Amino acid sequence: CENHMAVADGLVTWVHLLAASIWVGGSIFLGIVLVPVLKSHTKTLEEMVALMVKIGRRFNKITIPAFAALIASGIYNSRAFFGEPGAVLDTTYGIILLIKVILVIGTIVAYIVHIRLLDADMERKILSGQGGNIYVQSVRIKIIILGEVIVVLSVAILLLAALLDSGI
């Protein structure tokens, strides 16, 4: 039975790492590779934002499940604290885990706001060219700032995960 538990823990860690790779790696790719390419290959701001919206919708189809897998596997990995929640504040590991959980909540909030900025009505306006340059520009700036916040939080969460994995 102990061997089965080790295999289960290994599989959960693998899912956690795979999901983190999709979430963080994909987000960094969008910001560092895709956006600059779109800037140089689109004729107007409206066209670039419309493509970003379409790509973002497609990206969400893989990143939302990946983020859900991250949360589920993270909860599984922190199960040792379920029996004694007060122990979280008694150890360095617990404190780092608590900070990680707070950053994950912050990431979720930023992601929800990011998605809500591009509700169906706004998406229709942008994709039909009815958004107007100032409107599109203001939405684009908000999306970029939220995207950057999400990436920074995600990278910080990865650092904390590495510290937790090191047995600190």
C-alpha atoms as a PDB file:
ATOM      1  CA  CYS A   1       0.000   0.000   0.000  1.00  0.00           C
ATOM      2  CA  GLU A   2       2.915   2.345   0.739  1.00  0.00           C
ATOM      3  CA  ASN A   3       4.208   1.756  -2.795  1.00  0.00           C
ATOM      4  CA  HIS A   4       0.782   2.652  -4.243  1.00  0.00           C
ATOM      5  CA  MET A   5       0.787   5.892  -2.246  1.00  0.00           C
ATOM      6  CA  ALA A   6       4.231   6.800  -3.595  1.00  0.00           C
ATOM      7  CA  VAL A   7       2.999   6.205  -7.146  1.00  0.00           C
ATOM      8  CA  ALA A   8      -0.120   8.307  -6.504  1.00  0.00           C
ATOM      9  CA  ASP A   9       1.978  11.124  -5.023  1.00  0.00           C
ATOM     10  CA  GLY A  10       4.305  10.976  -8.033  1.00  0.00           C
ATOM     11  CA  LEU A  11       1.391  11.149 -10.465  1.00  0.00           C
ATOM     12  CA  VAL A  12      -0.133  14.087  -8.618  1.00  0.00           C
ATOM     13  CA  THR A  13       3.222  15.900  -8.690  1.00  0.00           C
ATOM     14  CA  TRP A  14       3.478  15.201 -12.427  1.00  0.00           C
ATOM     15  CA  VAL A  15      -0.028  16.625 -13.021  1.00  0.00           C
ATOM     16  CA  HIS A  16       0.891  19.656 -10.906  1.00  0.00           C
ATOM     17  CA  LEU A  17       4.087  20.270 -12.907  1.00  0.00           C
ATOM     18  CA  LEU A  18       2.368  19.697 -16.253  1.00  0.00           C
ATOM     19  CA  ALA A  19      -0.463  22.077 -15.374  1.00  0.00           C
ATOM     20  CA  ALA A  20       2.013  24.705 -14.122  1.00  0.00           C
ATOM     21  CA  SER A  21       3.955  24.385 -17.382  1.00  0.00           C
ATOM     22  CA  ILE A  22       0.802  24.976 -19.414  1.00  0.00           C
ATOM     23  CA  TRP A  23      -0.418  27.871 -17.255  1.00  0.00           C
ATOM     24  CA  VAL A  24       2.830  29.759 -16.705  1.00  0.00           C
ATOM     25  CA  GLY A  25       4.630  28.768 -19.895  1.00  0.00           C
ATOM     26  CA  GLY A  26       1.615  29.620 -22.016  1.00  0.00           C
ATOM     27  CA  SER A  27       1.152  32.974 -20.307  1.00  0.00           C
ATOM     28  CA  ILE A  28       4.799  33.909 -20.789  1.00  0.00           C
ATOM     29  CA  PHE A  29       4.632  32.792 -24.439  1.00  0.00           C
ATOM     30  CA  LEU A  30       1.618  35.016 -25.067  1.00  0.00           C
ATOM     31  CA  GLY A  31       3.291  38.082 -23.572  1.00  0.00           C
ATOM     32  CA  ILE A  32       6.837  37.678 -24.838  1.00  0.00           C
ATOM     33  CA  VAL A  33       6.345  35.969 -28.211  1.00  0.00           C
ATOM     34  CA  LEU A  34       2.791  36.315 -29.486  1.00  0.00           C
ATOM     35  CA  VAL A  35       1.965  39.947 -28.687  1.00  0.00           C
ATOM     36  CA  PRO A  36       5.127  41.344 -30.350  1.00  0.00           C
ATOM     37  CA  VAL A  37       4.446  39.204 -33.444  1.00  0.00           C
ATOM     38  CA  LEU A  38       0.846  40.424 -33.566  1.00  0.00           C
ATOM     39  CA  LYS A  39       2.036  44.032 -33.277  1.00  0.00           C
ATOM     40  CA  SER A  40       4.283  43.611 -36.294  1.00  0.00           C
ATOM     41  CA  HIS A  41       1.806  41.618 -38.418  1.00  0.00           C
ATOM     42  CA  THR A  42      -1.466  43.487 -37.939  1.00  0.00           C
ATOM     43  CA  LYS A  43      -2.392  46.735 -39.647  1.00  0.00           C
ATOM     44  CA  THR A  44      -4.504  48.330 -36.913  1.00  0.00           C
ATOM     45  CA  LEU A  45      -4.862  48.275 -33.150  1.00  0.00           C
ATOM     46  CA  GLU A  46      -8.411  46.980 -33.554  1.00  0.00           C
ATOM     47  CA  GLU A  47      -7.183  44.057 -35.695  1.00  0.00           C
ATOM     48  CA  MET A  48      -4.488  43.203 -33.145  1.00  0.00           C
ATOM     49  CA  VAL A  49      -6.902  43.317 -30.202  1.00  0.00           C
ATOM     50  CA  ALA A  50      -9.457  41.241 -32.137  1.00  0.00           C
ATOM     51  CA  LEU A  51      -6.804  38.565 -32.737  1.00  0.00           C
ATOM     52  CA  MET A  52      -5.745  38.714 -29.085  1.00  0.00           C
ATOM     53  CA  VAL A  53      -9.372  38.127 -28.058  1.00  0.00           C
ATOM     54  CA  LYS A  54      -9.704  35.118 -30.365  1.00  0.00           C
ATOM     55  CA  ILE A  55      -6.380  33.646 -29.213  1.00  0.00           C
ATOM     56  CA  GLY A  56      -7.272  34.306 -25.570  1.00  0.00           C
ATOM     57  CA  ARG A  57     -10.565  32.445 -25.914  1.00  0.00           C
ATOM     58  CA  ARG A  58      -8.759  29.475 -27.445  1.00  0.00           C
ATOM     59  CA  PHE A  59      -5.989  29.659 -24.822  1.00  0.00           C
ATOM     60  CA  ASN A  60      -8.597  29.574 -22.033  1.00  0.00           C
ATOM     61  CA  LYS A  61      -9.805  26.181 -23.272  1.00  0.00           C
ATOM     62  CA  ILE A  62      -6.533  24.626 -22.117  1.00  0.00           C
ATOM     63  CA  THR A  63      -5.466  26.966 -19.319  1.00  0.00           C
ATOM     64  CA  ILE A  64      -8.677  26.915 -17.290  1.00  0.00           C
ATOM     65  CA  PRO A  65      -8.573  23.097 -16.957  1.00  0.00           C
ATOM     66  CA  ALA A  66      -4.814  23.319 -16.275  1.00  0.00           C
ATOM     67  CA  PHE A  67      -5.402  25.888 -13.535  1.00  0.00           C
ATOM     68  CA  ALA A  68      -8.155  23.719 -12.040  1.00  0.00           C
ATOM     69  CA  ALA A  69      -5.722  20.749 -12.062  1.00  0.00           C
ATOM     70  CA  LEU A  70      -3.117  22.956 -10.366  1.00  0.00           C
ATOM     71  CA  ILE A  71      -5.514  23.857  -7.591  1.00  0.00           C
ATOM     72  CA  ALA A  72      -6.754  20.275  -7.122  1.00  0.00           C
ATOM     73  CA  SER A  73      -3.242  18.816  -7.070  1.00  0.00           C
ATOM     74  CA  GLY A  74      -2.063  21.636  -4.794  1.00  0.00           C
ATOM     75  CA  ILE A  75      -4.833  20.842  -2.322  1.00  0.00           C
ATOM     76  CA  TYR A  76      -3.855  17.170  -2.453  1.00  0.00           C
ATOM     77  CA  ASN A  77      -0.190  18.058  -1.883  1.00  0.00           C
ATOM     78  CA  SER A  78      -1.038  20.162   1.170  1.00  0.00           C
ATOM     79  CA  ARG A  79      -3.288  17.519   2.772  1.00  0.00           C
ATOM     80  CA  ALA A  80      -0.893  17.125   5.708  1.00  0.00           C
ATOM     81  CA  PHE A  81      -2.260  20.387   7.134  1.00  0.00           C
ATOM     82  CA  PHE A  82      -5.931  19.367   6.949  1.00  0.00           C
ATOM     83  CA  GLY A  83      -5.855  17.534  10.274  1.00  0.00           C
ATOM     84  CA  GLU A  84      -4.185  20.411  12.095  1.00  0.00           C
ATOM     85  CA  PRO A  85      -4.714  23.746  10.286  1.00  0.00           C
ATOM     86  CA  GLY A  86      -3.092  25.699  13.123  1.00  0.00           C
ATOM     87  CA  ALA A  87       0.220  24.041  12.231  1.00  0.00           C
ATOM     88  CA  VAL A  88       0.368  26.175   9.073  1.00  0.00           C
ATOM     89  CA  LEU A  89       1.640  29.116  11.126  1.00  0.00           C
ATOM     90  CA  ASP A  90       4.007  26.990  13.229  1.00  0.00           C
ATOM     91  CA  THR A  91       6.406  25.964  10.453  1.00  0.00           C
ATOM     92  CA  THR A  92       8.355  27.697   7.698  1.00  0.00           C
ATOM     93  CA  TYR A  93       6.788  25.250   5.235  1.00  0.00           C
ATOM     94  CA  GLY A  94       3.307  26.192   6.440  1.00  0.00           C
ATOM     95  CA  ILE A  95       3.972  29.923   6.205  1.00  0.00           C
ATOM     96  CA  ILE A  96       5.350  29.594   2.660  1.00  0.00           C
ATOM     97  CA  LEU A  97       2.333  27.458   1.768  1.00  0.00           C
ATOM     98  CA  LEU A  98       0.007  30.120   3.186  1.00  0.00           C
ATOM     99  CA  ILE A  99       1.737  32.847   1.146  1.00  0.00           C
ATOM    100  CA  LYS A 100       1.426  30.619  -1.928  1.00  0.00           C
ATOM    101  CA  VAL A 101      -2.307  30.148  -1.296  1.00  0.00           C
ATOM    102  CA  ILE A 102      -2.761  33.932  -0.971  1.00  0.00           C
ATOM    103  CA  LEU A 103      -0.928  34.482  -4.273  1.00  0.00           C
ATOM    104  CA  VAL A 104      -3.066  31.786  -5.927  1.00  0.00           C
ATOM    105  CA  ILE A 105      -6.213  33.583  -4.730  1.00  0.00           C
ATOM    106  CA  GLY A 106      -4.795  36.844  -6.095  1.00  0.00           C
ATOM    107  CA  THR A 107      -4.128  35.130  -9.426  1.00  0.00           C
ATOM    108  CA  ILE A 108      -7.680  33.797  -9.559  1.00  0.00           C
ATOM    109  CA  VAL A 109      -9.112  37.251  -8.866  1.00  0.00           C
ATOM    110  CA  ALA A 110      -6.888  38.890 -11.510  1.00  0.00           C
ATOM    111  CA  TYR A 111      -7.807  36.177 -14.029  1.00  0.00           C
ATOM    112  CA  ILE A 112     -11.548  36.589 -13.393  1.00  0.00           C
ATOM    113  CA  VAL A 113     -11.280  40.362 -13.841  1.00  0.00           C
ATOM    114  CA  HIS A 114      -9.195  39.769 -16.994  1.00  0.00           C
ATOM    115  CA  ILE A 115     -11.880  37.489 -18.452  1.00  0.00           C
ATOM    116  CA  ARG A 116     -14.757  39.764 -17.374  1.00  0.00           C
ATOM    117  CA  LEU A 117     -13.182  42.724 -19.181  1.00  0.00           C
ATOM    118  CA  LEU A 118     -13.762  40.772 -22.359  1.00  0.00           C
ATOM    119  CA  ASP A 119     -17.393  39.877 -21.878  1.00  0.00           C
ATOM    120  CA  ALA A 120     -19.460  38.826 -24.903  1.00  0.00           C
ATOM    121  CA  ASP A 121     -20.707  42.359 -25.637  1.00  0.00           C
ATOM    122  CA  MET A 122     -17.222  43.866 -25.605  1.00  0.00           C
ATOM    123  CA  GLU A 123     -15.884  40.994 -27.674  1.00  0.00           C
ATOM    124  CA  ARG A 124     -18.611  41.587 -30.299  1.00  0.00           C
ATOM    125  CA  LYS A 125     -17.782  45.310 -30.443  1.00  0.00           C
ATOM    126  CA  ILE A 126     -14.074  44.647 -30.863  1.00  0.00           C
ATOM    127  CA  LEU A 127     -14.484  41.860 -33.425  1.00  0.00           C
ATOM    128  CA  SER A 128     -17.009  43.874 -35.479  1.00  0.00           C
ATOM    129  CA  GLY A 129     -14.801  46.981 -35.467  1.00  0.00           C
ATOM    130  CA  GLN A 130     -17.386  49.031 -33.537  1.00  0.00           C
ATOM    131  CA  GLY A 131     -15.239  49.502 -30.456  1.00  0.00           C
ATOM    132  CA  GLY A 132     -13.590  52.735 -31.448  1.00  0.00           C
ATOM    133  CA  ASN A 133      -9.863  53.239 -31.075  1.00  0.00           C
ATOM    134  CA  ILE A 134      -9.978  54.897 -27.631  1.00  0.00           C
ATOM    135  CA  TYR A 135     -12.283  52.189 -26.292  1.00  0.00           C
ATOM    136  CA  VAL A 136     -10.116  49.410 -27.715  1.00  0.00           C
ATOM    137  CA  GLN A 137      -6.963  51.102 -26.428  1.00  0.00           C
ATOM    138  CA  SER A 138      -8.349  51.378 -22.873  1.00  0.00           C
ATOM    139  CA  VAL A 139      -9.419  47.719 -22.869  1.00  0.00           C
ATOM    140  CA  ARG A 140      -6.062  46.672 -24.338  1.00  0.00           C
ATOM    141  CA  ILE A 141      -4.113  48.519 -21.623  1.00  0.00           C
ATOM    142  CA  LYS A 142      -6.202  46.906 -18.858  1.00  0.00           C
ATOM    143  CA  ILE A 143      -5.794  43.455 -20.408  1.00  0.00           C
ATOM    144  CA  ILE A 144      -2.024  43.915 -20.711  1.00  0.00           C
ATOM    145  CA  ILE A 145      -1.652  45.103 -17.102  1.00  0.00           C
ATOM    146  CA  LEU A 146      -3.766  42.231 -15.768  1.00  0.00           C
ATOM    147  CA  GLY A 147      -1.861  39.761 -17.935  1.00  0.00           C
ATOM    148  CA  GLU A 148       1.428  41.036 -16.525  1.00  0.00           C
ATOM    149  CA  VAL A 149       0.099  40.794 -12.967  1.00  0.00           C
ATOM    150  CA  ILE A 150      -1.031  37.214 -13.600  1.00  0.00           C
ATOM    151  CA  VAL A 151       2.388  36.245 -15.017  1.00  0.00           C
ATOM    152  CA  VAL A 152       4.294  37.857 -12.122  1.00  0.00           C
ATOM    153  CA  LEU A 153       2.054  36.170  -9.552  1.00  0.00           C
ATOM    154  CA  SER A 154       2.377  32.834 -11.365  1.00  0.00           C
ATOM    155  CA  VAL A 155       6.172  33.020 -11.471  1.00  0.00           C
ATOM    156  CA  ALA A 156       6.233  33.946  -7.761  1.00  0.00           C
ATOM    157  CA  ILE A 157       3.990  30.950  -7.032  1.00  0.00           C
ATOM    158  CA  LEU A 158       6.444  28.717  -8.920  1.00  0.00           C
ATOM    159  CA  LEU A 159       9.288  30.055  -6.766  1.00  0.00           C
ATOM    160  CA  LEU A 160       7.331  29.270  -3.616  1.00  0.00           C
ATOM    161  CA  ALA A 161       6.529  25.788  -4.982  1.00  0.00           C
ATOM    162  CA  ALA A 162      10.258  25.190  -5.529  1.00  0.00           C
ATOM    163  CA  LEU A 163      10.984  26.301  -1.958  1.00  0.00           C
ATOM    164  CA  LEU A 164       8.282  23.966  -0.639  1.00  0.00           C
ATOM    165  CA  ASP A 165       9.641  21.100  -2.737  1.00  0.00           C
ATOM    166  CA  SER A 166      13.133  21.690  -1.348  1.00  0.00           C
ATOM    167  CA  GLY A 167      11.795  20.813   2.090  1.00  0.00           C
ATOM    168  CA  ILE A 168      12.425  24.253   3.579  1.00  0.00           C
END
